[in-house]
């Protein structure tokens, strides 16, 4: 996937209680205040977002309200992204949400180039789709891997729509 300088794409695949996104990203341009977010558990405008697999935000009210939920453990990743992201260098971004059982709280775990940058406990959004949001950056996703538990209600609805010719 190649980007322009601003966009939002949501993949039409529903997950429930577990999803992991791994993307190898090459940046080609970073301008003033760039961001690339991996969006998790998006359902009706509310979702988790992880900027560059370092910080986690809770986004609500159709993306009008964005609250910091967890900051990167490493101080260098708390600086503006255009201070430390290097163009044409590959970055492996991994963002995972997993709820082990009903009596355990879900965890969002972010990794950048194999190093855990943040971990955040939350059950606010347990199902939805995944995708990407970006602004003031141009990049290429060289590889993308998605794993998780498919939302059965979403899958049933999607199969019925396909069978009906939709």
C-alpha atoms as a PDB file:
ATOM      1  CA  UNK A   1       0.000   0.000   0.000  1.00  0.00           C
ATOM      2  CA  UNK A   2       1.360   3.412  -0.937  1.00  0.00           C
ATOM      3  CA  UNK A   3       0.056   6.612   0.604  1.00  0.00           C
ATOM      4  CA  UNK A   4      -0.513  10.201  -0.328  1.00  0.00           C
ATOM      5  CA  UNK A   5       0.132  12.810   2.378  1.00  0.00           C
ATOM      6  CA  UNK A   6      -3.220  12.413   4.157  1.00  0.00           C
ATOM      7  CA  UNK A   7      -5.679   9.559   4.428  1.00  0.00           C
ATOM      8  CA  UNK A   8      -7.705   6.987   6.286  1.00  0.00           C
ATOM      9  CA  UNK A   9      -8.353   3.408   5.237  1.00  0.00           C
ATOM     10  CA  UNK A  10     -10.374   0.849   7.179  1.00  0.00           C
ATOM     11  CA  UNK A  11     -10.152  -2.808   6.166  1.00  0.00           C
ATOM     12  CA  UNK A  12     -13.546  -4.496   5.956  1.00  0.00           C
ATOM     13  CA  UNK A  13     -12.752  -7.361   8.327  1.00  0.00           C
ATOM     14  CA  UNK A  14     -14.284  -7.554  11.819  1.00  0.00           C
ATOM     15  CA  UNK A  15     -12.390  -8.886  14.820  1.00  0.00           C
ATOM     16  CA  UNK A  16     -13.441  -9.605  18.394  1.00  0.00           C
ATOM     17  CA  UNK A  17     -11.213  -9.840  21.505  1.00  0.00           C
ATOM     18  CA  UNK A  18      -7.965 -10.349  19.544  1.00  0.00           C
ATOM     19  CA  UNK A  19      -6.205  -8.793  16.576  1.00  0.00           C
ATOM     20  CA  UNK A  20      -2.552  -8.223  15.742  1.00  0.00           C
ATOM     21  CA  UNK A  21      -1.301  -5.991  12.934  1.00  0.00           C
ATOM     22  CA  UNK A  22       2.316  -6.183  11.746  1.00  0.00           C
ATOM     23  CA  UNK A  23       3.415  -3.762   9.032  1.00  0.00           C
ATOM     24  CA  UNK A  24       6.801  -3.088   7.490  1.00  0.00           C
ATOM     25  CA  UNK A  25       6.747   0.603   6.624  1.00  0.00           C
ATOM     26  CA  UNK A  26       9.153   2.750   4.607  1.00  0.00           C
ATOM     27  CA  UNK A  27       8.688   6.520   4.975  1.00  0.00           C
ATOM     28  CA  UNK A  28       9.456   8.797   2.038  1.00  0.00           C
ATOM     29  CA  UNK A  29       8.340  12.159   3.376  1.00  0.00           C
ATOM     30  CA  UNK A  30       7.709  13.630   6.809  1.00  0.00           C
ATOM     31  CA  UNK A  31       6.492  17.210   7.033  1.00  0.00           C
ATOM     32  CA  UNK A  32       5.304  19.349   9.939  1.00  0.00           C
ATOM     33  CA  UNK A  33       3.696  17.213  12.694  1.00  0.00           C
ATOM     34  CA  UNK A  34       3.412  13.927  10.786  1.00  0.00           C
ATOM     35  CA  UNK A  35       1.590  10.881  12.079  1.00  0.00           C
ATOM     36  CA  UNK A  36       0.797   7.351  11.022  1.00  0.00           C
ATOM     37  CA  UNK A  37      -1.686   5.512  13.212  1.00  0.00           C
ATOM     38  CA  UNK A  38      -2.649   1.877  13.224  1.00  0.00           C
ATOM     39  CA  UNK A  39      -6.357   1.830  14.058  1.00  0.00           C
ATOM     40  CA  UNK A  40      -7.760  -1.096  16.085  1.00  0.00           C
ATOM     41  CA  UNK A  41     -11.272  -2.190  17.009  1.00  0.00           C
ATOM     42  CA  UNK A  42     -12.945   0.588  15.039  1.00  0.00           C
ATOM     43  CA  UNK A  43     -16.704   0.497  15.359  1.00  0.00           C
ATOM     44  CA  UNK A  44     -18.939   3.460  14.551  1.00  0.00           C
ATOM     45  CA  UNK A  45     -16.224   6.125  14.855  1.00  0.00           C
ATOM     46  CA  UNK A  46     -14.643   5.002  18.144  1.00  0.00           C
ATOM     47  CA  UNK A  47     -11.330   3.116  18.254  1.00  0.00           C
ATOM     48  CA  UNK A  48      -7.824   2.662  19.624  1.00  0.00           C
ATOM     49  CA  UNK A  49      -5.034   4.311  17.644  1.00  0.00           C
ATOM     50  CA  UNK A  50      -1.307   3.747  17.965  1.00  0.00           C
ATOM     51  CA  UNK A  51       0.997   6.387  16.477  1.00  0.00           C
ATOM     52  CA  UNK A  52       4.092   4.802  14.918  1.00  0.00           C
ATOM     53  CA  UNK A  53       3.553   1.831  17.315  1.00  0.00           C
ATOM     54  CA  UNK A  54       4.744   3.969  20.238  1.00  0.00           C
ATOM     55  CA  UNK A  55       1.851   5.853  21.863  1.00  0.00           C
ATOM     56  CA  UNK A  56      -1.760   4.682  22.280  1.00  0.00           C
ATOM     57  CA  UNK A  57      -4.817   6.931  22.032  1.00  0.00           C
ATOM     58  CA  UNK A  58      -8.524   6.372  22.565  1.00  0.00           C
ATOM     59  CA  UNK A  59     -10.437   8.094  19.764  1.00  0.00           C
ATOM     60  CA  UNK A  60     -14.152   8.749  20.256  1.00  0.00           C
ATOM     61  CA  UNK A  61     -17.069  10.794  18.915  1.00  0.00           C
ATOM     62  CA  UNK A  62     -16.355  10.101  15.227  1.00  0.00           C
ATOM     63  CA  UNK A  63     -12.657  10.964  15.624  1.00  0.00           C
ATOM     64  CA  UNK A  64     -13.346  14.379  17.179  1.00  0.00           C
ATOM     65  CA  UNK A  65     -12.017  13.411  20.618  1.00  0.00           C
ATOM     66  CA  UNK A  66      -8.528  11.914  20.888  1.00  0.00           C
ATOM     67  CA  UNK A  67      -7.286  11.128  24.411  1.00  0.00           C
ATOM     68  CA  UNK A  68      -3.767   9.893  25.235  1.00  0.00           C
ATOM     69  CA  UNK A  69      -3.978   6.481  26.893  1.00  0.00           C
ATOM     70  CA  UNK A  70      -0.359   5.352  27.103  1.00  0.00           C
ATOM     71  CA  UNK A  71       3.011   6.855  26.211  1.00  0.00           C
ATOM     72  CA  UNK A  72       6.106   5.066  24.980  1.00  0.00           C
ATOM     73  CA  UNK A  73       8.454   3.734  27.636  1.00  0.00           C
ATOM     74  CA  UNK A  74      11.482   4.961  25.682  1.00  0.00           C
ATOM     75  CA  UNK A  75      12.065   8.751  26.004  1.00  0.00           C
ATOM     76  CA  UNK A  76      13.324   9.067  22.404  1.00  0.00           C
ATOM     77  CA  UNK A  77       9.889   7.996  21.105  1.00  0.00           C
ATOM     78  CA  UNK A  78       8.115  10.722  23.087  1.00  0.00           C
ATOM     79  CA  UNK A  79       9.723  13.405  20.903  1.00  0.00           C
ATOM     80  CA  UNK A  80       8.043  14.570  17.680  1.00  0.00           C
ATOM     81  CA  UNK A  81       8.170  11.768  15.103  1.00  0.00           C
ATOM     82  CA  UNK A  82       9.992  13.784  12.461  1.00  0.00           C
ATOM     83  CA  UNK A  83      12.863  14.136  15.001  1.00  0.00           C
ATOM     84  CA  UNK A  84      13.596  10.391  15.064  1.00  0.00           C
ATOM     85  CA  UNK A  85      11.906   8.672  12.089  1.00  0.00           C
ATOM     86  CA  UNK A  86      14.372   8.302   9.211  1.00  0.00           C
ATOM     87  CA  UNK A  87      13.271   8.334   5.598  1.00  0.00           C
ATOM     88  CA  UNK A  88      13.798   5.194   3.499  1.00  0.00           C
ATOM     89  CA  UNK A  89      14.653   3.108   6.563  1.00  0.00           C
ATOM     90  CA  UNK A  90      12.327   0.134   7.174  1.00  0.00           C
ATOM     91  CA  UNK A  91      10.302   0.153  10.402  1.00  0.00           C
ATOM     92  CA  UNK A  92       8.410  -2.848  11.716  1.00  0.00           C
ATOM     93  CA  UNK A  93       5.270  -1.671  13.516  1.00  0.00           C
ATOM     94  CA  UNK A  94       3.274  -4.217  15.546  1.00  0.00           C
ATOM     95  CA  UNK A  95       0.094  -3.376  17.441  1.00  0.00           C
ATOM     96  CA  UNK A  96      -1.873  -6.104  19.225  1.00  0.00           C
ATOM     97  CA  UNK A  97      -5.116  -6.154  21.210  1.00  0.00           C
ATOM     98  CA  UNK A  98      -5.839  -9.359  23.107  1.00  0.00           C
ATOM     99  CA  UNK A  99      -8.395 -10.226  25.786  1.00  0.00           C
ATOM    100  CA  UNK A 100      -7.413 -13.625  27.207  1.00  0.00           C
ATOM    101  CA  UNK A 101     -10.718 -14.340  28.983  1.00  0.00           C
ATOM    102  CA  UNK A 102     -13.879 -12.665  30.261  1.00  0.00           C
ATOM    103  CA  UNK A 103     -12.382 -12.205  33.745  1.00  0.00           C
ATOM    104  CA  UNK A 104      -9.116 -10.682  32.484  1.00  0.00           C
ATOM    105  CA  UNK A 105      -8.702  -7.183  31.082  1.00  0.00           C
ATOM    106  CA  UNK A 106      -7.620  -6.792  27.478  1.00  0.00           C
ATOM    107  CA  UNK A 107      -4.120  -5.550  26.650  1.00  0.00           C
ATOM    108  CA  UNK A 108      -2.856  -3.356  23.835  1.00  0.00           C
ATOM    109  CA  UNK A 109       0.818  -4.021  23.175  1.00  0.00           C
ATOM    110  CA  UNK A 110       2.896  -1.960  20.738  1.00  0.00           C
ATOM    111  CA  UNK A 111       6.286  -2.885  19.340  1.00  0.00           C
ATOM    112  CA  UNK A 112       8.628  -0.913  17.128  1.00  0.00           C
ATOM    113  CA  UNK A 113      11.372  -2.927  15.391  1.00  0.00           C
ATOM    114  CA  UNK A 114      10.840  -5.805  17.846  1.00  0.00           C
ATOM    115  CA  UNK A 115      11.073  -3.672  21.014  1.00  0.00           C
ATOM    116  CA  UNK A 116       7.990  -3.256  23.202  1.00  0.00           C
ATOM    117  CA  UNK A 117       7.262   0.461  23.426  1.00  0.00           C
ATOM    118  CA  UNK A 118       4.003   0.517  25.373  1.00  0.00           C
ATOM    119  CA  UNK A 119       1.425  -1.710  27.032  1.00  0.00           C
ATOM    120  CA  UNK A 120      -2.036  -0.519  28.003  1.00  0.00           C
ATOM    121  CA  UNK A 121      -4.927  -2.353  29.694  1.00  0.00           C
ATOM    122  CA  UNK A 122      -8.422  -1.607  28.394  1.00  0.00           C
ATOM    123  CA  UNK A 123     -11.709  -3.250  27.437  1.00  0.00           C
ATOM    124  CA  UNK A 124     -13.286  -0.069  26.082  1.00  0.00           C
ATOM    125  CA  UNK A 125     -13.491  -1.402  22.507  1.00  0.00           C
ATOM    126  CA  UNK A 126     -13.560  -5.189  22.183  1.00  0.00           C
ATOM    127  CA  UNK A 127     -14.578  -5.598  18.566  1.00  0.00           C
ATOM    128  CA  UNK A 128     -14.376  -3.818  15.260  1.00  0.00           C
ATOM    129  CA  UNK A 129     -12.195  -3.340  12.194  1.00  0.00           C
ATOM    130  CA  UNK A 130      -8.593  -2.253  11.720  1.00  0.00           C
ATOM    131  CA  UNK A 131      -6.928   0.217   9.428  1.00  0.00           C
ATOM    132  CA  UNK A 132      -4.594   3.182   9.106  1.00  0.00           C
ATOM    133  CA  UNK A 133      -4.836   6.987   9.467  1.00  0.00           C
ATOM    134  CA  UNK A 134      -2.082   9.354   8.447  1.00  0.00           C
ATOM    135  CA  UNK A 135      -1.271  12.985   7.856  1.00  0.00           C
ATOM    136  CA  UNK A 136       1.772  14.940   6.677  1.00  0.00           C
ATOM    137  CA  UNK A 137       3.654  11.816   5.677  1.00  0.00           C
ATOM    138  CA  UNK A 138       4.170   9.687   2.613  1.00  0.00           C
ATOM    139  CA  UNK A 139       5.012   5.995   3.044  1.00  0.00           C
ATOM    140  CA  UNK A 140       4.855   2.517   1.557  1.00  0.00           C
ATOM    141  CA  UNK A 141       3.705  -0.548   3.485  1.00  0.00           C
ATOM    142  CA  UNK A 142       6.009  -3.241   2.087  1.00  0.00           C
ATOM    143  CA  UNK A 143       4.333  -6.087   3.974  1.00  0.00           C
ATOM    144  CA  UNK A 144       1.235  -6.456   6.120  1.00  0.00           C
ATOM    145  CA  UNK A 145       0.262  -9.364   8.352  1.00  0.00           C
ATOM    146  CA  UNK A 146      -3.031  -9.582  10.249  1.00  0.00           C
ATOM    147  CA  UNK A 147      -4.026 -12.241  12.788  1.00  0.00           C
ATOM    148  CA  UNK A 148      -6.931 -12.452  15.186  1.00  0.00           C
ATOM    149  CA  UNK A 149     -10.327 -13.797  16.130  1.00  0.00           C
ATOM    150  CA  UNK A 150     -12.943 -13.036  13.501  1.00  0.00           C
ATOM    151  CA  UNK A 151     -16.121 -11.406  14.814  1.00  0.00           C
ATOM    152  CA  UNK A 152     -18.717 -14.120  14.095  1.00  0.00           C
ATOM    153  CA  UNK A 153     -21.633 -11.675  13.797  1.00  0.00           C
ATOM    154  CA  UNK A 154     -19.682  -9.578  11.271  1.00  0.00           C
ATOM    155  CA  UNK A 155     -18.632 -12.713   9.315  1.00  0.00           C
ATOM    156  CA  UNK A 156     -22.216 -14.014   9.146  1.00  0.00           C
ATOM    157  CA  UNK A 157     -23.503 -10.657   7.908  1.00  0.00           C
ATOM    158  CA  UNK A 158     -20.686 -10.367   5.327  1.00  0.00           C
ATOM    159  CA  UNK A 159     -21.311 -13.905   3.999  1.00  0.00           C
ATOM    160  CA  UNK A 160     -25.063 -13.289   3.754  1.00  0.00           C
ATOM    161  CA  UNK A 161     -24.450 -10.049   1.816  1.00  0.00           C
ATOM    162  CA  UNK A 162     -22.070 -11.858  -0.544  1.00  0.00           C
ATOM    163  CA  UNK A 163     -24.540 -14.700  -1.092  1.00  0.00           C
ATOM    164  CA  UNK A 164     -27.240 -12.153  -1.902  1.00  0.00           C
ATOM    165  CA  UNK A 165     -25.005 -10.698  -4.628  1.00  0.00           C
ATOM    166  CA  UNK A 166     -23.642  -7.741  -2.622  1.00  0.00           C
END
